[in-house]
């Protein structure tokens, strides 16, 4: 078995030709599996990253293989085919997945079988129920009392399907390279939250219509609750759903109210307040601070974009603020 854990990245890479070893690896990362291969050896390779919100895997079996999975109970699972194809069954439902065609979304309460073609490569994503149902609750503005009833197959060639694939590819790129944006908990939370939202918009389910209904305008009191939450947690990972959940309203309603009462979206307001904190920290440093370090502390990792946002807000570059601090 090949096993690689680079100290400069959080992506783990494992590979084996042994069916039992591959079964053990999948069980460790996801849930107990049972592999059945019609060939004597696999060409199995798995790259994966894990967090409290989701497990993102990039998998290849390298052989004609059946994967049998019991009910996960505590998690949802989605497969997105990047090459080759799979035949999928869950309960009485059946579908096929191919690149640019269908993905497969598995609900927690039923077992499933996935037959992989030898050339199949897929994103395989496990999402704890609390993570995905909490995201949907925040988007809708009310609790979810039962597991989300997803359709098994969904169109990955549609605009929403393509947006989901792009969001996952971006997340994987950032969490699997040294110095990526996801080195910051602030940024990683936002990237993962975005992926979950795109998933909820791309895959048909029993709450999808509610996501597109126009929400009524919320009162100034709810906007103030959201503002208080932002100010209290400005240094913590903050996402739109986090803020909406704190205000007990849907994201769309909160965004509408924020634009009317504050003139900005919630996340634009967060960015503006964090820019002010960077400005204050640079001035307070007496010219000794490194701009990149202070910016990163407040969640700004794309330095060119940060510098331009800073210049638009304060009329000077961050380096000018540092020089001004040296002269005081």
Protein backbone atom coordinates (compact mmCIF):
# COMPACT_ATOMS: atom_id res chain seq x y z
CA UNK A 1 0.00 0.00 0.00
CA UNK A 2 1.18 3.51 -0.81
CA UNK A 3 0.47 6.12 1.84
CA UNK A 4 1.46 9.75 1.62
CA UNK A 5 0.77 12.52 4.12
CA UNK A 6 2.75 15.57 3.10
CA UNK A 7 3.47 17.85 6.06
CA UNK A 8 2.82 20.89 3.85
CA UNK A 9 -0.72 19.89 2.88
CA UNK A 10 -3.83 18.53 4.54
CA UNK A 11 -4.74 16.25 1.61
CA UNK A 12 -4.03 12.59 2.31
CA UNK A 13 -3.21 10.16 -0.49
CA UNK A 14 -3.55 6.36 -0.22
CA UNK A 15 -3.22 3.69 -2.91
CA UNK A 16 -3.34 -0.11 -3.04
CA UNK A 17 -3.97 -3.04 -5.37
CA UNK A 18 -5.44 -5.21 -2.63
CA UNK A 19 -9.24 -5.42 -2.33
CA UNK A 20 -9.24 -5.98 1.43
CA UNK A 21 -6.88 -3.06 2.00
CA UNK A 22 -9.03 -0.78 -0.17
CA UNK A 23 -12.10 -1.87 1.77
CA UNK A 24 -10.34 -1.02 5.05
CA UNK A 25 -9.31 2.42 3.77
CA UNK A 26 -12.82 3.28 2.61
CA UNK A 27 -14.24 2.14 5.94
CA UNK A 28 -11.81 4.35 7.84
CA UNK A 29 -12.62 7.46 5.81
CA UNK A 30 -16.35 6.98 5.17
CA UNK A 31 -18.40 4.14 6.72
CA UNK A 32 -18.11 0.33 6.68
CA UNK A 33 -18.07 -0.82 3.04
CA UNK A 34 -17.93 -4.16 1.27
CA UNK A 35 -16.02 -4.33 -2.02
CA UNK A 36 -16.53 -7.02 -4.64
CA UNK A 37 -14.19 -6.97 -7.62
CA UNK A 38 -14.44 -9.17 -10.69
CA UNK A 39 -10.70 -8.75 -11.17
CA UNK A 40 -7.83 -10.12 -9.10
CA UNK A 41 -6.32 -6.71 -8.33
CA UNK A 42 -7.46 -3.12 -8.10
CA UNK A 43 -5.67 0.06 -9.05
CA UNK A 44 -7.22 1.90 -6.10
CA UNK A 45 -6.21 5.47 -5.27
CA UNK A 46 -7.91 7.91 -2.92
CA UNK A 47 -7.08 11.52 -2.14
CA UNK A 48 -9.14 13.04 0.64
CA UNK A 49 -9.50 15.91 3.07
CA UNK A 50 -11.71 15.99 6.14
CA UNK A 51 -13.32 18.59 8.37
CA UNK A 52 -16.27 18.75 10.74
CA UNK A 53 -18.50 19.87 7.85
CA UNK A 54 -17.61 17.31 5.18
CA UNK A 55 -15.22 14.69 3.85
CA UNK A 56 -14.11 15.36 0.27
CA UNK A 57 -12.59 12.40 -1.55
CA UNK A 58 -11.23 11.94 -5.09
CA UNK A 59 -11.45 8.19 -5.82
CA UNK A 60 -10.42 5.64 -8.41
CA UNK A 61 -11.07 1.89 -8.13
CA UNK A 62 -9.18 0.94 -11.28
CA UNK A 63 -11.23 -2.24 -11.80
CA UNK A 64 -14.78 -3.45 -12.38
CA UNK A 65 -15.94 -3.20 -8.77
CA UNK A 66 -19.13 -3.23 -6.70
CA UNK A 67 -19.25 -1.10 -3.55
CA UNK A 68 -21.95 -2.12 -1.07
CA UNK A 69 -22.74 0.36 1.69
CA UNK A 70 -25.24 -0.08 4.56
CA UNK A 71 -27.43 2.84 5.68
CA UNK A 72 -25.14 5.64 6.85
CA UNK A 73 -27.80 7.01 9.28
CA UNK A 74 -25.77 10.03 10.37
CA UNK A 75 -24.60 11.34 6.99
CA UNK A 76 -25.53 12.09 3.40
CA UNK A 77 -23.25 11.13 0.52
CA UNK A 78 -22.84 12.44 -3.02
CA UNK A 79 -20.88 10.98 -5.95
CA UNK A 80 -19.88 13.17 -8.89
CA UNK A 81 -18.35 11.28 -11.80
CA UNK A 82 -15.31 12.87 -13.46
CA UNK A 83 -14.54 10.04 -15.91
CA UNK A 84 -15.93 6.61 -16.71
CA UNK A 85 -19.28 5.74 -15.19
CA UNK A 86 -21.18 3.95 -12.44
CA UNK A 87 -24.47 2.09 -12.03
CA UNK A 88 -26.18 3.09 -8.79
CA UNK A 89 -29.01 1.62 -6.74
CA UNK A 90 -30.54 2.80 -3.46
CA UNK A 91 -33.74 1.18 -2.26
CA UNK A 92 -36.02 0.82 -5.30
CA UNK A 93 -34.32 3.62 -7.22
CA UNK A 94 -31.72 3.24 -9.96
CA UNK A 95 -29.56 5.64 -11.96
CA UNK A 96 -26.34 5.82 -13.94
CA UNK A 97 -23.62 8.42 -13.56
CA UNK A 98 -21.27 9.66 -16.26
CA UNK A 99 -19.09 12.72 -16.67
CA UNK A 100 -21.23 15.72 -17.61
CA UNK A 101 -24.41 13.66 -17.13
CA UNK A 102 -25.75 12.52 -13.77
CA UNK A 103 -24.47 12.60 -10.23
CA UNK A 104 -25.85 10.47 -7.39
CA UNK A 105 -27.11 11.75 -4.04
CA UNK A 106 -27.60 9.19 -1.25
CA UNK A 107 -29.91 9.66 1.73
CA UNK A 108 -28.86 8.40 5.19
CA UNK A 109 -31.57 5.84 5.87
CA UNK A 110 -31.10 3.38 2.97
CA UNK A 111 -28.32 1.04 1.84
CA UNK A 112 -26.79 1.47 -1.59
CA UNK A 113 -24.78 -0.35 -4.24
CA UNK A 114 -22.45 1.36 -6.71
CA UNK A 115 -20.85 -0.55 -9.60
CA UNK A 116 -17.72 1.23 -10.82
CA UNK A 117 -16.37 0.90 -14.35
CA UNK A 118 -12.59 0.31 -14.45
CA UNK A 119 -11.97 3.87 -15.71
CA UNK A 120 -14.33 5.61 -13.28
CA UNK A 121 -13.02 8.53 -11.22
CA UNK A 122 -15.33 10.36 -8.83
CA UNK A 123 -15.64 12.98 -6.17
CA UNK A 124 -17.10 11.10 -3.18
CA UNK A 125 -18.36 13.48 -0.49
CA UNK A 126 -19.69 12.52 2.93
CA UNK A 127 -21.68 15.23 4.72
CA UNK A 128 -22.87 14.81 8.33
CA UNK A 129 -26.62 15.28 8.69
CA UNK A 130 -26.15 18.15 11.11
CA UNK A 131 -23.95 19.97 8.62
CA UNK A 132 -26.24 19.73 5.58
CA UNK A 133 -29.53 20.00 7.45
CA UNK A 134 -28.17 22.97 9.40
CA UNK A 135 -27.22 24.66 6.13
CA UNK A 136 -30.69 24.08 4.72
CA UNK A 137 -32.30 25.34 7.94
CA UNK A 138 -30.28 28.54 7.69
CA UNK A 139 -31.25 29.02 4.04
CA UNK A 140 -34.94 28.44 4.75
CA UNK A 141 -35.08 30.23 8.10
CA UNK A 142 -36.69 27.34 10.00
CA UNK A 143 -35.60 23.97 11.45
CA UNK A 144 -35.53 20.73 9.45
CA UNK A 145 -37.42 18.02 11.33
CA UNK A 146 -36.74 15.02 9.06
CA UNK A 147 -33.92 13.89 6.77
CA UNK A 148 -33.89 15.74 3.46
CA UNK A 149 -35.58 13.63 0.77
CA UNK A 150 -33.19 13.94 -2.18
CA UNK A 151 -33.72 12.43 -5.60
CA UNK A 152 -31.08 9.78 -6.32
CA UNK A 153 -29.90 11.07 -9.69
CA UNK A 154 -29.37 14.68 -10.68
CA UNK A 155 -28.09 16.56 -13.72
CA UNK A 156 -24.46 17.64 -13.43
CA UNK A 157 -24.54 19.19 -16.90
CA UNK A 158 -27.11 21.83 -15.89
CA UNK A 159 -25.99 25.33 -14.87
CA UNK A 160 -26.57 24.47 -11.20
CA UNK A 161 -24.75 21.16 -11.60
CA UNK A 162 -21.81 22.90 -13.23
CA UNK A 163 -21.75 25.47 -10.43
CA UNK A 164 -21.60 22.64 -7.90
CA UNK A 165 -18.70 20.96 -9.70
CA UNK A 166 -16.84 24.27 -9.93
CA UNK A 167 -17.37 24.96 -6.22
CA UNK A 168 -16.05 21.51 -5.26
CA UNK A 169 -13.04 21.81 -7.57
CA UNK A 170 -12.19 25.20 -6.04
CA UNK A 171 -12.52 23.89 -2.49
CA UNK A 172 -10.33 20.88 -3.26
CA UNK A 173 -7.71 23.06 -4.92
CA UNK A 174 -7.48 25.35 -1.91
CA UNK A 175 -7.46 22.70 0.83
CA UNK A 176 -4.97 20.42 -0.91
CA UNK A 177 -2.11 22.85 -1.49
CA UNK A 178 0.28 24.48 0.93
CA UNK A 179 -0.60 28.13 1.47
CA UNK A 180 -4.09 27.73 0.03
CA UNK A 181 -6.91 30.04 1.06
CA UNK A 182 -8.33 27.31 3.29
CA UNK A 183 -5.33 27.55 5.62
CA UNK A 184 -7.51 30.18 7.30
CA UNK A 185 -10.47 28.74 9.27
CA UNK A 186 -12.43 31.85 8.24
CA UNK A 187 -11.97 31.14 4.56
CA UNK A 188 -12.37 27.37 4.76
CA UNK A 189 -15.71 27.73 6.56
CA UNK A 190 -16.92 30.03 3.80
CA UNK A 191 -15.75 27.71 1.01
CA UNK A 192 -17.39 24.66 2.59
CA UNK A 193 -20.59 26.58 3.30
CA UNK A 194 -20.69 27.63 -0.35
CA UNK A 195 -20.30 24.01 -1.52
CA UNK A 196 -23.18 22.90 0.72
CA UNK A 197 -25.40 25.69 -0.59
CA UNK A 198 -24.58 24.79 -4.20
CA UNK A 199 -25.41 21.16 -3.47
CA UNK A 200 -28.79 22.10 -2.01
CA UNK A 201 -29.55 24.14 -5.13
CA UNK A 202 -28.30 21.54 -7.64
CA UNK A 203 -29.95 18.34 -6.34
CA UNK A 204 -33.78 18.09 -6.35
CA UNK A 205 -35.26 17.54 -2.88
CA UNK A 206 -38.43 18.13 -0.91
CA UNK A 207 -37.43 21.63 0.27
CA UNK A 208 -36.10 22.97 -3.04
CA UNK A 209 -39.15 25.09 -3.85
CA UNK A 210 -38.81 26.84 -0.50
CA UNK A 211 -35.28 27.94 -1.38
CA UNK A 212 -36.62 29.93 -4.32
CA UNK A 213 -39.66 31.48 -2.67
CA UNK A 214 -39.54 35.21 -1.99
CA UNK A 215 -39.14 35.80 1.74
CA UNK A 216 -40.97 38.60 3.48
CA UNK A 217 -38.94 41.55 4.67
CA UNK A 218 -37.69 41.11 8.22
CA UNK A 219 -37.80 43.86 10.82
CA UNK A 220 -34.94 46.12 11.92
CA UNK A 221 -34.80 44.12 15.13
CA UNK A 222 -33.55 41.05 13.25
CA UNK A 223 -30.98 43.13 11.40
CA UNK A 224 -29.72 44.40 14.75
CA UNK A 225 -29.47 40.82 16.05
CA UNK A 226 -27.37 39.99 13.00
CA UNK A 227 -25.17 43.07 13.50
CA UNK A 228 -24.61 42.19 17.15
CA UNK A 229 -23.61 38.66 16.16
CA UNK A 230 -21.17 39.94 13.53
CA UNK A 231 -19.51 42.36 15.95
CA UNK A 232 -19.21 39.70 18.65
CA UNK A 233 -17.74 37.08 16.28
CA UNK A 234 -15.80 39.23 13.83
CA UNK A 235 -12.55 37.33 14.49
CA UNK A 236 -14.25 33.92 14.14
CA UNK A 237 -15.17 31.99 10.98
CA UNK A 238 -18.38 33.66 9.78
CA UNK A 239 -20.60 32.67 6.87
CA UNK A 240 -23.91 33.97 5.60
CA UNK A 241 -25.78 30.96 7.04
CA UNK A 242 -24.09 31.52 10.43
CA UNK A 243 -25.39 35.09 10.54
CA UNK A 244 -28.86 34.13 9.30
CA UNK A 245 -29.06 31.35 11.89
CA UNK A 246 -28.17 33.78 14.68
CA UNK A 247 -30.91 36.14 13.49
CA UNK A 248 -33.40 33.23 13.08
CA UNK A 249 -34.28 34.18 9.49
CA UNK A 250 -33.51 32.89 6.01
CA UNK A 251 -30.39 34.08 4.20
CA UNK A 252 -32.39 35.69 1.39
CA UNK A 253 -34.57 37.63 3.84
CA UNK A 254 -31.52 38.77 5.80
CA UNK A 255 -29.73 39.91 2.64
CA UNK A 256 -32.77 41.89 1.55
CA UNK A 257 -33.11 43.54 4.97
CA UNK A 258 -29.39 44.27 5.17
CA UNK A 259 -29.39 46.01 1.80
CA UNK A 260 -32.33 48.16 2.88
CA UNK A 261 -31.11 48.98 6.40
CA UNK A 262 -27.31 48.94 6.01
CA UNK A 263 -26.74 49.33 2.27
CA UNK A 264 -24.55 46.21 2.06
CA UNK A 265 -24.90 42.45 2.06
CA UNK A 266 -24.06 40.77 5.39
CA UNK A 267 -20.71 39.44 4.13
CA UNK A 268 -19.81 42.80 2.53
CA UNK A 269 -20.47 44.37 5.93
CA UNK A 270 -18.24 41.75 7.58
CA UNK A 271 -15.49 42.53 5.07
CA UNK A 272 -15.78 46.28 5.71
CA UNK A 273 -15.52 45.84 9.48
CA UNK A 274 -12.50 43.53 9.09
CA UNK A 275 -10.80 46.08 6.85
CA UNK A 276 -11.28 48.60 9.64
CA UNK A 277 -9.66 46.17 12.10
CA UNK A 278 -6.69 45.71 9.75
CA UNK A 279 -6.36 49.49 9.45
CA UNK A 280 -6.45 49.93 13.22
CA UNK A 281 -3.91 47.14 13.81
CA UNK A 282 -1.51 48.57 11.23
CA UNK A 283 -1.68 52.02 12.84
CA UNK A 284 -1.27 50.58 16.33
CA UNK A 285 1.82 48.60 15.34
CA UNK A 286 3.98 51.70 15.09
CA UNK A 287 5.15 50.64 11.65
CA UNK A 288 6.42 47.25 12.82
CA UNK A 289 3.63 45.06 11.41
CA UNK A 290 3.85 42.96 8.26
CA UNK A 291 0.81 43.83 6.17
CA UNK A 292 0.35 40.25 4.94
CA UNK A 293 0.32 38.88 8.50
CA UNK A 294 -2.25 41.37 9.75
CA UNK A 295 -4.42 40.86 6.67
CA UNK A 296 -4.32 37.08 7.10
CA UNK A 297 -5.31 37.41 10.77
CA UNK A 298 -8.56 38.98 9.60
CA UNK A 299 -9.19 36.48 6.80
CA UNK A 300 -7.70 38.31 3.80
CA UNK A 301 -5.49 35.85 1.90
CA UNK A 302 -5.60 37.22 -1.65
CA UNK A 303 -3.20 40.09 -1.08
CA UNK A 304 -3.77 41.94 -4.37
CA UNK A 305 -7.54 41.94 -3.91
CA UNK A 306 -7.15 42.93 -0.25
CA UNK A 307 -4.87 45.86 -1.11
CA UNK A 308 -7.35 47.17 -3.67
CA UNK A 309 -10.27 46.85 -1.24
CA UNK A 310 -8.19 48.64 1.40
CA UNK A 311 -7.29 51.45 -1.02
CA UNK A 312 -10.92 51.95 -2.02
CA UNK A 313 -12.01 52.18 1.62
CA UNK A 314 -9.19 54.30 3.07
CA UNK A 315 -7.77 56.09 0.03
CA UNK A 316 -4.27 54.73 0.63
CA UNK A 317 -2.48 51.41 0.31
CA UNK A 318 -1.83 49.30 3.44
CA UNK A 319 1.89 49.99 3.07
CA UNK A 320 1.15 53.73 3.30
CA UNK A 321 -0.60 53.13 6.63
CA UNK A 322 2.45 51.23 7.92
CA UNK A 323 4.73 54.12 6.92
CA UNK A 324 2.40 56.58 8.61
CA UNK A 325 2.63 54.49 11.77
CA UNK A 326 6.42 54.74 11.73
CA UNK A 327 6.29 58.53 11.65
CA UNK A 328 4.03 58.87 14.69
